Amino acid sequence: MRITPQRPERRDVAPAERPATSPTAPAVRPAAAAEASGAALLEPAQAALRAAPEIDLERVAAVKAALARGEAPFDPERLAALIDRYHGGRG
């Protein structure tokens, strides 16, 4: 096979089709469209977060204190198994 340095022929290529826009409709930038779709995806998560109960910091402190005093049972192997199960055993 012989390779020769040649320029490819020029081909007239039609511009990509663009949807018709009306003078009254604002042009949508791709970034703006991506932001809008991202916001739509986040809305259910934000709604769930708003519906979630607030963290009871007093209760958290009480549980920590009980653990520190040895009054609350703690099984590290069970905790590890639950974490592993929650994350699907991914390493």
PDB file of N, CA and C in Angstrom:
ATOM      1  N   MET A   1       0.850  -1.160   0.000  1.00  0.00           N
ATOM      2  CA  MET A   1       0.000   0.000   0.000  1.00  0.00           C
ATOM      3  C   MET A   1       0.899   1.226   0.000  1.00  0.00           C
ATOM      4  N   ARG A   2       0.521   2.188  -0.790  1.00  0.00           N
ATOM      5  CA  ARG A   2       1.308   3.411  -0.890  1.00  0.00           C
ATOM      6  C   ARG A   2       0.513   4.568  -0.305  1.00  0.00           C
ATOM      7  N   ILE A   3       1.133   5.303   0.564  1.00  0.00           N
ATOM      8  CA  ILE A   3       0.476   6.462   1.172  1.00  0.00           C
ATOM      9  C   ILE A   3       1.028   7.707   0.507  1.00  0.00           C
ATOM     10  N   THR A   4       0.136   8.491  -0.045  1.00  0.00           N
ATOM     11  CA  THR A   4       0.556   9.732  -0.703  1.00  0.00           C
ATOM     12  C   THR A   4      -0.092  10.912  -0.002  1.00  0.00           C
ATOM     13  N   PRO A   5       0.661  11.968   0.184  1.00  0.00           N
ATOM     14  CA  PRO A   5       0.091  13.140   0.852  1.00  0.00           C
ATOM     15  C   PRO A   5      -0.827  13.903  -0.106  1.00  0.00           C
ATOM     16  N   GLN A   6      -2.096  13.687   0.014  1.00  0.00           N
ATOM     17  CA  GLN A   6      -3.073  14.392  -0.809  1.00  0.00           C
ATOM     18  C   GLN A   6      -4.090  15.062   0.089  1.00  0.00           C
ATOM     19  N   ARG A   7      -4.576  16.158  -0.383  1.00  0.00           N
ATOM     20  CA  ARG A   7      -5.645  16.836   0.346  1.00  0.00           C
ATOM     21  C   ARG A   7      -6.968  16.185  -0.026  1.00  0.00           C
ATOM     22  N   PRO A   8      -7.814  16.009   0.941  1.00  0.00           N
ATOM     23  CA  PRO A   8      -9.123  15.448   0.604  1.00  0.00           C
ATOM     24  C   PRO A   8      -9.920  16.463  -0.205  1.00  0.00           C
ATOM     25  N   GLU A   9     -10.802  15.951  -1.021  1.00  0.00           N
ATOM     26  CA  GLU A   9     -11.637  16.850  -1.804  1.00  0.00           C
ATOM     27  C   GLU A   9     -12.542  17.638  -0.882  1.00  0.00           C
ATOM     28  N   ARG A  10     -12.778  18.861  -1.272  1.00  0.00           N
ATOM     29  CA  ARG A  10     -13.676  19.691  -0.477  1.00  0.00           C
ATOM     30  C   ARG A  10     -15.107  19.290  -0.788  1.00  0.00           C
ATOM     31  N   ARG A  11     -15.836  19.073   0.254  1.00  0.00           N
ATOM     32  CA  ARG A  11     -17.233  18.716   0.095  1.00  0.00           C
ATOM     33  C   ARG A  11     -18.074  19.795   0.742  1.00  0.00           C
ATOM     34  N   ASP A  12     -19.091  20.223   0.036  1.00  0.00           N
ATOM     35  CA  ASP A  12     -20.004  21.184   0.627  1.00  0.00           C
ATOM     36  C   ASP A  12     -20.979  20.422   1.508  1.00  0.00           C
ATOM     37  N   VAL A  13     -20.962  20.770   2.772  1.00  0.00           N
ATOM     38  CA  VAL A  13     -21.806  20.093   3.734  1.00  0.00           C
ATOM     39  C   VAL A  13     -22.863  21.083   4.190  1.00  0.00           C
ATOM     40  N   ALA A  14     -24.088  20.641   4.154  1.00  0.00           N
ATOM     41  CA  ALA A  14     -25.193  21.499   4.591  1.00  0.00           C
ATOM     42  C   ALA A  14     -25.081  21.720   6.092  1.00  0.00           C
ATOM     43  N   PRO A  15     -25.386  22.924   6.549  1.00  0.00           N
ATOM     44  CA  PRO A  15     -25.338  23.164   7.997  1.00  0.00           C
ATOM     45  C   PRO A  15     -26.378  22.313   8.703  1.00  0.00           C
ATOM     46  N   ALA A  16     -26.103  22.013   9.940  1.00  0.00           N
ATOM     47  CA  ALA A  16     -27.029  21.195  10.730  1.00  0.00           C
ATOM     48  C   ALA A  16     -28.376  21.893  10.809  1.00  0.00           C
ATOM     49  N   GLU A  17     -29.413  21.080  10.756  1.00  0.00           N
ATOM     50  CA  GLU A  17     -30.743  21.659  10.837  1.00  0.00           C
ATOM     51  C   GLU A  17     -30.971  22.219  12.226  1.00  0.00           C
ATOM     52  N   ARG A  18     -31.559  23.372  12.245  1.00  0.00           N
ATOM     53  CA  ARG A  18     -31.878  24.006  13.517  1.00  0.00           C
ATOM     54  C   ARG A  18     -33.382  24.193  13.578  1.00  0.00           C
ATOM     55  N   PRO A  19     -33.952  24.026  14.748  1.00  0.00           N
ATOM     56  CA  PRO A  19     -35.390  24.227  14.849  1.00  0.00           C
ATOM     57  C   PRO A  19     -35.732  25.689  14.604  1.00  0.00           C
ATOM     58  N   ALA A  20     -36.862  25.885  14.007  1.00  0.00           N
ATOM     59  CA  ALA A  20     -37.294  27.245  13.742  1.00  0.00           C
ATOM     60  C   ALA A  20     -37.591  27.934  15.060  1.00  0.00           C
ATOM     61  N   THR A  21     -37.155  29.170  15.158  1.00  0.00           N
ATOM     62  CA  THR A  21     -37.426  29.941  16.360  1.00  0.00           C
ATOM     63  C   THR A  21     -38.290  31.117  15.990  1.00  0.00           C
ATOM     64  N   SER A  22     -39.152  31.461  16.894  1.00  0.00           N
ATOM     65  CA  SER A  22     -39.985  32.627  16.633  1.00  0.00           C
ATOM     66  C   SER A  22     -39.334  33.832  17.280  1.00  0.00           C
ATOM     67  N   PRO A  23     -39.598  35.013  16.764  1.00  0.00           N
ATOM     68  CA  PRO A  23     -38.972  36.201  17.350  1.00  0.00           C
ATOM     69  C   PRO A  23     -39.398  36.440  18.786  1.00  0.00           C
ATOM     70  N   THR A  24     -40.536  35.884  19.200  1.00  0.00           N
ATOM     71  CA  THR A  24     -40.990  36.103  20.569  1.00  0.00           C
ATOM     72  C   THR A  24     -40.468  35.060  21.544  1.00  0.00           C
ATOM     73  N   ALA A  25     -40.062  33.905  21.034  1.00  0.00           N
ATOM     74  CA  ALA A  25     -39.569  32.843  21.918  1.00  0.00           C
ATOM     75  C   ALA A  25     -38.089  33.066  22.198  1.00  0.00           C
ATOM     76  N   PRO A  26     -37.706  33.073  23.465  1.00  0.00           N
ATOM     77  CA  PRO A  26     -36.285  33.246  23.775  1.00  0.00           C
ATOM     78  C   PRO A  26     -35.489  32.012  23.366  1.00  0.00           C
ATOM     79  N   ALA A  27     -34.282  32.234  22.922  1.00  0.00           N
ATOM     80  CA  ALA A  27     -33.417  31.126  22.552  1.00  0.00           C
ATOM     81  C   ALA A  27     -32.963  30.424  23.828  1.00  0.00           C
ATOM     82  N   VAL A  28     -32.977  29.105  23.810  1.00  0.00           N
ATOM     83  CA  VAL A  28     -32.554  28.326  24.969  1.00  0.00           C
ATOM     84  C   VAL A  28     -31.131  27.869  24.730  1.00  0.00           C
ATOM     85  N   ARG A  29     -30.258  28.276  25.615  1.00  0.00           N
ATOM     86  CA  ARG A  29     -28.862  27.846  25.520  1.00  0.00           C
ATOM     87  C   ARG A  29     -28.765  26.420  26.031  1.00  0.00           C
ATOM     88  N   PRO A  30     -27.846  25.625  25.472  1.00  0.00           N
ATOM     89  CA  PRO A  30     -27.700  24.246  25.958  1.00  0.00           C
ATOM     90  C   PRO A  30     -27.428  24.176  27.451  1.00  0.00           C
ATOM     91  N   ALA A  31     -26.616  25.109  27.979  1.00  0.00           N
ATOM     92  CA  ALA A  31     -26.314  25.084  29.408  1.00  0.00           C
ATOM     93  C   ALA A  31     -27.572  25.339  30.223  1.00  0.00           C
ATOM     94  N   ALA A  32     -28.406  26.262  29.746  1.00  0.00           N
ATOM     95  CA  ALA A  32     -29.639  26.556  30.465  1.00  0.00           C
ATOM     96  C   ALA A  32     -30.571  25.351  30.437  1.00  0.00           C
ATOM     97  N   ALA A  33     -30.617  24.664  29.305  1.00  0.00           N
ATOM     98  CA  ALA A  33     -31.455  23.463  29.215  1.00  0.00           C
ATOM     99  C   ALA A  33     -30.943  22.388  30.156  1.00  0.00           C
ATOM    100  N   ALA A  34     -29.626  22.236  30.239  1.00  0.00           N
ATOM    101  CA  ALA A  34     -29.042  21.246  31.142  1.00  0.00           C
ATOM    102  C   ALA A  34     -29.343  21.599  32.594  1.00  0.00           C
ATOM    103  N   GLU A  35     -29.265  22.893  32.925  1.00  0.00           N
ATOM    104  CA  GLU A  35     -29.574  23.316  34.285  1.00  0.00           C
ATOM    105  C   GLU A  35     -31.031  23.027  34.612  1.00  0.00           C
ATOM    106  N   ALA A  36     -31.925  23.281  33.650  1.00  0.00           N
ATOM    107  CA  ALA A  36     -33.343  23.037  33.885  1.00  0.00           C
ATOM    108  C   ALA A  36     -33.603  21.552  34.096  1.00  0.00           C
ATOM    109  N   SER A  37     -32.978  20.694  33.296  1.00  0.00           N
ATOM    110  CA  SER A  37     -33.204  19.255  33.470  1.00  0.00           C
ATOM    111  C   SER A  37     -32.566  18.772  34.770  1.00  0.00           C
ATOM    112  N   GLY A  38     -31.434  19.363  35.138  1.00  0.00           N
ATOM    113  CA  GLY A  38     -30.801  19.006  36.410  1.00  0.00           C
ATOM    114  C   GLY A  38     -31.667  19.397  37.588  1.00  0.00           C
ATOM    115  N   ALA A  39     -32.286  20.576  37.491  1.00  0.00           N
ATOM    116  CA  ALA A  39     -33.174  21.025  38.561  1.00  0.00           C
ATOM    117  C   ALA A  39     -34.383  20.102  38.658  1.00  0.00           C
ATOM    118  N   ALA A  40     -34.888  19.661  37.509  1.00  0.00           N
ATOM    119  CA  ALA A  40     -36.035  18.749  37.519  1.00  0.00           C
ATOM    120  C   ALA A  40     -35.659  17.414  38.156  1.00  0.00           C
ATOM    121  N   LEU A  41     -34.432  16.968  37.948  1.00  0.00           N
ATOM    122  CA  LEU A  41     -33.986  15.712  38.553  1.00  0.00           C
ATOM    123  C   LEU A  41     -33.794  15.848  40.058  1.00  0.00           C
ATOM    124  N   LEU A  42     -33.369  17.024  40.490  1.00  0.00           N
ATOM    125  CA  LEU A  42     -33.097  17.230  41.907  1.00  0.00           C
ATOM    126  C   LEU A  42     -34.361  17.494  42.722  1.00  0.00           C
ATOM    127  N   GLU A  43     -35.414  17.943  42.086  1.00  0.00           N
ATOM    128  CA  GLU A  43     -36.616  18.319  42.821  1.00  0.00           C
ATOM    129  C   GLU A  43     -37.156  17.201  43.714  1.00  0.00           C
ATOM    130  N   PRO A  44     -37.280  15.943  43.236  1.00  0.00           N
ATOM    131  CA  PRO A  44     -37.781  14.895  44.146  1.00  0.00           C
ATOM    132  C   PRO A  44     -36.870  14.689  45.359  1.00  0.00           C
ATOM    133  N   ALA A  45     -35.569  14.779  45.162  1.00  0.00           N
ATOM    134  CA  ALA A  45     -34.641  14.602  46.285  1.00  0.00           C
ATOM    135  C   ALA A  45     -34.776  15.760  47.273  1.00  0.00           C
ATOM    136  N   GLN A  46     -34.921  16.971  46.747  1.00  0.00           N
ATOM    137  CA  GLN A  46     -35.079  18.123  47.630  1.00  0.00           C
ATOM    138  C   GLN A  46     -36.389  18.039  48.402  1.00  0.00           C
ATOM    139  N   ALA A  47     -37.449  17.564  47.748  1.00  0.00           N
ATOM    140  CA  ALA A  47     -38.739  17.407  48.429  1.00  0.00           C
ATOM    141  C   ALA A  47     -38.630  16.372  49.547  1.00  0.00           C
ATOM    142  N   ALA A  48     -37.931  15.267  49.281  1.00  0.00           N
ATOM    143  CA  ALA A  48     -37.744  14.236  50.302  1.00  0.00           C
ATOM    144  C   ALA A  48     -36.926  14.775  51.471  1.00  0.00           C
ATOM    145  N   LEU A  49     -35.930  15.586  51.166  1.00  0.00           N
ATOM    146  CA  LEU A  49     -35.108  16.173  52.221  1.00  0.00           C
ATOM    147  C   LEU A  49     -35.927  17.128  53.085  1.00  0.00           C
ATOM    148  N   ARG A  50     -36.794  17.922  52.437  1.00  0.00           N
ATOM    149  CA  ARG A  50     -37.645  18.837  53.205  1.00  0.00           C
ATOM    150  C   ARG A  50     -38.626  18.059  54.084  1.00  0.00           C
ATOM    151  N   ALA A  51     -39.066  16.893  53.625  1.00  0.00           N
ATOM    152  CA  ALA A  51     -40.032  16.090  54.382  1.00  0.00           C
ATOM    153  C   ALA A  51     -39.368  15.297  55.505  1.00  0.00           C
ATOM    154  N   ALA A  52     -38.065  15.123  55.448  1.00  0.00           N
ATOM    155  CA  ALA A  52     -37.353  14.331  56.458  1.00  0.00           C
ATOM    156  C   ALA A  52     -37.365  15.073  57.799  1.00  0.00           C
ATOM    157  N   PRO A  53     -37.414  14.321  58.882  1.00  0.00           N
ATOM    158  CA  PRO A  53     -37.400  14.975  60.198  1.00  0.00           C
ATOM    159  C   PRO A  53     -36.038  15.611  60.471  1.00  0.00           C
ATOM    160  N   GLU A  54     -36.072  16.632  61.281  1.00  0.00           N
ATOM    161  CA  GLU A  54     -34.828  17.288  61.676  1.00  0.00           C
ATOM    162  C   GLU A  54     -34.016  16.349  62.571  1.00  0.00           C
ATOM    163  N   ILE A  55     -32.735  16.565  62.631  1.00  0.00           N
ATOM    164  CA  ILE A  55     -31.878  15.755  63.494  1.00  0.00           C
ATOM    165  C   ILE A  55     -32.033  16.252  64.927  1.00  0.00           C
ATOM    166  N   ASP A  56     -32.311  15.325  65.817  1.00  0.00           N
ATOM    167  CA  ASP A  56     -32.464  15.654  67.235  1.00  0.00           C
ATOM    168  C   ASP A  56     -31.079  15.566  67.876  1.00  0.00           C
ATOM    169  N   LEU A  57     -30.404  16.716  67.926  1.00  0.00           N
ATOM    170  CA  LEU A  57     -29.028  16.733  68.436  1.00  0.00           C
ATOM    171  C   LEU A  57     -28.941  16.316  69.903  1.00  0.00           C
ATOM    172  N   GLU A  58     -29.970  16.589  70.673  1.00  0.00           N
ATOM    173  CA  GLU A  58     -29.967  16.160  72.073  1.00  0.00           C
ATOM    174  C   GLU A  58     -29.999  14.642  72.163  1.00  0.00           C
ATOM    175  N   ARG A  59     -30.806  14.020  71.312  1.00  0.00           N
ATOM    176  CA  ARG A  59     -30.899  12.548  71.300  1.00  0.00           C
ATOM    177  C   ARG A  59     -29.572  11.942  70.838  1.00  0.00           C
ATOM    178  N   VAL A  60     -28.950  12.547  69.834  1.00  0.00           N
ATOM    179  CA  VAL A  60     -27.644  12.063  69.354  1.00  0.00           C
ATOM    180  C   VAL A  60     -26.623  12.131  70.484  1.00  0.00           C
ATOM    181  N   ALA A  61     -26.617  13.226  71.214  1.00  0.00           N
ATOM    182  CA  ALA A  61     -25.678  13.373  72.335  1.00  0.00           C
ATOM    183  C   ALA A  61     -25.949  12.333  73.416  1.00  0.00           C
ATOM    184  N   ALA A  62     -27.224  12.063  73.676  1.00  0.00           N
ATOM    185  CA  ALA A  62     -27.571  11.076  74.698  1.00  0.00           C
ATOM    186  C   ALA A  62     -27.120   9.679  74.287  1.00  0.00           C
ATOM    187  N   VAL A  63     -27.291   9.330  73.031  1.00  0.00           N
ATOM    188  CA  VAL A  63     -26.861   8.002  72.548  1.00  0.00           C
ATOM    189  C   VAL A  63     -25.343   7.904  72.606  1.00  0.00           C
ATOM    190  N   LYS A  64     -24.649   8.960  72.201  1.00  0.00           N
ATOM    191  CA  LYS A  64     -23.172   8.950  72.276  1.00  0.00           C
ATOM    192  C   LYS A  64     -22.705   8.762  73.722  1.00  0.00           C
ATOM    193  N   ALA A  65     -23.341   9.454  74.633  1.00  0.00           N
ATOM    194  CA  ALA A  65     -22.955   9.347  76.048  1.00  0.00           C
ATOM    195  C   ALA A  65     -23.219   7.935  76.566  1.00  0.00           C
ATOM    196  N   ALA A  66     -24.362   7.356  76.186  1.00  0.00           N
ATOM    197  CA  ALA A  66     -24.681   5.994  76.629  1.00  0.00           C
ATOM    198  C   ALA A  66     -23.675   4.999  76.065  1.00  0.00           C
ATOM    199  N   LEU A  67     -23.278   5.185  74.812  1.00  0.00           N
ATOM    200  CA  LEU A  67     -22.249   4.308  74.224  1.00  0.00           C
ATOM    201  C   LEU A  67     -20.929   4.453  74.965  1.00  0.00           C
ATOM    202  N   ALA A  68     -20.550   5.687  75.278  1.00  0.00           N
ATOM    203  CA  ALA A  68     -19.282   5.939  75.975  1.00  0.00           C
ATOM    204  C   ALA A  68     -19.287   5.316  77.370  1.00  0.00           C
ATOM    205  N   ARG A  69     -20.437   5.320  78.031  1.00  0.00           N
ATOM    206  CA  ARG A  69     -20.539   4.737  79.377  1.00  0.00           C
ATOM    207  C   ARG A  69     -20.706   3.222  79.331  1.00  0.00           C
ATOM    208  N   GLY A  70     -20.905   2.666  78.147  1.00  0.00           N
ATOM    209  CA  GLY A  70     -21.094   1.223  78.029  1.00  0.00           C
ATOM    210  C   GLY A  70     -22.508   0.784  78.344  1.00  0.00           C
ATOM    211  N   GLU A  71     -23.448   1.715  78.369  1.00  0.00           N
ATOM    212  CA  GLU A  71     -24.832   1.397  78.715  1.00  0.00           C
ATOM    213  C   GLU A  71     -25.648   0.943  77.507  1.00  0.00           C
ATOM    214  N   ALA A  72     -25.184   1.241  76.325  1.00  0.00           N
ATOM    215  CA  ALA A  72     -25.907   0.850  75.112  1.00  0.00           C
ATOM    216  C   ALA A  72     -25.116  -0.262  74.435  1.00  0.00           C
ATOM    217  N   PRO A  73     -25.814  -1.329  74.032  1.00  0.00           N
ATOM    218  CA  PRO A  73     -25.095  -2.428  73.382  1.00  0.00           C
ATOM    219  C   PRO A  73     -24.570  -1.982  72.019  1.00  0.00           C
ATOM    220  N   PHE A  74     -23.360  -2.410  71.717  1.00  0.00           N
ATOM    221  CA  PHE A  74     -22.755  -2.079  70.435  1.00  0.00           C
ATOM    222  C   PHE A  74     -22.042  -3.321  69.904  1.00  0.00           C
ATOM    223  N   ASP A  75     -22.438  -3.745  68.720  1.00  0.00           N
ATOM    224  CA  ASP A  75     -21.855  -4.926  68.095  1.00  0.00           C
ATOM    225  C   ASP A  75     -21.184  -4.480  66.796  1.00  0.00           C
ATOM    226  N   PRO A  76     -19.868  -4.288  66.825  1.00  0.00           N
ATOM    227  CA  PRO A  76     -19.191  -3.788  65.624  1.00  0.00           C
ATOM    228  C   PRO A  76     -19.299  -4.741  64.428  1.00  0.00           C
ATOM    229  N   GLU A  77     -19.354  -6.060  64.687  1.00  0.00           N
ATOM    230  CA  GLU A  77     -19.491  -7.014  63.585  1.00  0.00           C
ATOM    231  C   GLU A  77     -20.862  -6.882  62.917  1.00  0.00           C
ATOM    232  N   ARG A  78     -21.890  -6.672  63.724  1.00  0.00           N
ATOM    233  CA  ARG A  78     -23.225  -6.484  63.155  1.00  0.00           C
ATOM    234  C   ARG A  78     -23.279  -5.183  62.357  1.00  0.00           C
ATOM    235  N   LEU A  79     -22.675  -4.136  62.900  1.00  0.00           N
ATOM    236  CA  LEU A  79     -22.640  -2.865  62.190  1.00  0.00           C
ATOM    237  C   LEU A  79     -21.919  -3.020  60.852  1.00  0.00           C
ATOM    238  N   ALA A  80     -20.782  -3.713  60.847  1.00  0.00           N
ATOM    239  CA  ALA A  80     -20.036  -3.942  59.605  1.00  0.00           C
ATOM    240  C   ALA A  80     -20.868  -4.721  58.597  1.00  0.00           C
ATOM    241  N   ALA A  81     -21.602  -5.723  59.067  1.00  0.00           N
ATOM    242  CA  ALA A  81     -22.451  -6.521  58.171  1.00  0.00           C
ATOM    243  C   ALA A  81     -23.577  -5.673  57.593  1.00  0.00           C
ATOM    244  N   LEU A  82     -24.166  -4.816  58.414  1.00  0.00           N
ATOM    245  CA  LEU A  82     -25.236  -3.939  57.925  1.00  0.00           C
ATOM    246  C   LEU A  82     -24.714  -2.938  56.895  1.00  0.00           C
ATOM    247  N   ILE A  83     -23.547  -2.391  57.146  1.00  0.00           N
ATOM    248  CA  ILE A  83     -22.940  -1.455  56.193  1.00  0.00           C
ATOM    249  C   ILE A  83     -22.648  -2.171  54.883  1.00  0.00           C
ATOM    250  N   ASP A  84     -22.100  -3.375  54.989  1.00  0.00           N
ATOM    251  CA  ASP A  84     -21.789  -4.163  53.798  1.00  0.00           C
ATOM    252  C   ASP A  84     -23.061  -4.486  53.012  1.00  0.00           C
ATOM    253  N   ARG A  85     -24.119  -4.862  53.714  1.00  0.00           N
ATOM    254  CA  ARG A  85     -25.382  -5.180  53.052  1.00  0.00           C
ATOM    255  C   ARG A  85     -25.977  -3.943  52.393  1.00  0.00           C
ATOM    256  N   TYR A  86     -25.906  -2.811  53.076  1.00  0.00           N
ATOM    257  CA  TYR A  86     -26.458  -1.561  52.539  1.00  0.00           C
ATOM    258  C   TYR A  86     -25.754  -1.158  51.236  1.00  0.00           C
ATOM    259  N   HIS A  87     -24.446  -1.300  51.237  1.00  0.00           N
ATOM    260  CA  HIS A  87     -23.659  -0.897  50.072  1.00  0.00           C
ATOM    261  C   HIS A  87     -23.517  -2.017  49.039  1.00  0.00           C
ATOM    262  N   GLY A  88     -24.196  -3.108  49.248  1.00  0.00           N
ATOM    263  CA  GLY A  88     -24.208  -4.185  48.261  1.00  0.00           C
ATOM    264  C   GLY A  88     -22.915  -4.958  48.159  1.00  0.00           C
ATOM    265  N   GLY A  89     -22.108  -4.945  49.184  1.00  0.00           N
ATOM    266  CA  GLY A  89     -20.878  -5.708  49.173  1.00  0.00           C
ATOM    267  C   GLY A  89     -19.825  -5.164  48.219  1.00  0.00           C
ATOM    268  N   ARG A  90     -20.012  -3.908  47.791  1.00  0.00           N
ATOM    269  CA  ARG A  90     -19.003  -3.319  46.882  1.00  0.00           C
ATOM    270  C   ARG A  90     -17.748  -2.998  47.666  1.00  0.00           C
ATOM    271  N   GLY A  91     -16.632  -3.231  47.025  1.00  0.00           N
ATOM    272  CA  GLY A  91     -15.367  -2.987  47.715  1.00  0.00           C
ATOM    273  C   GLY A  91     -14.731  -1.703  47.377  1.00  0.00           C
TER     274      GLY A  91
END
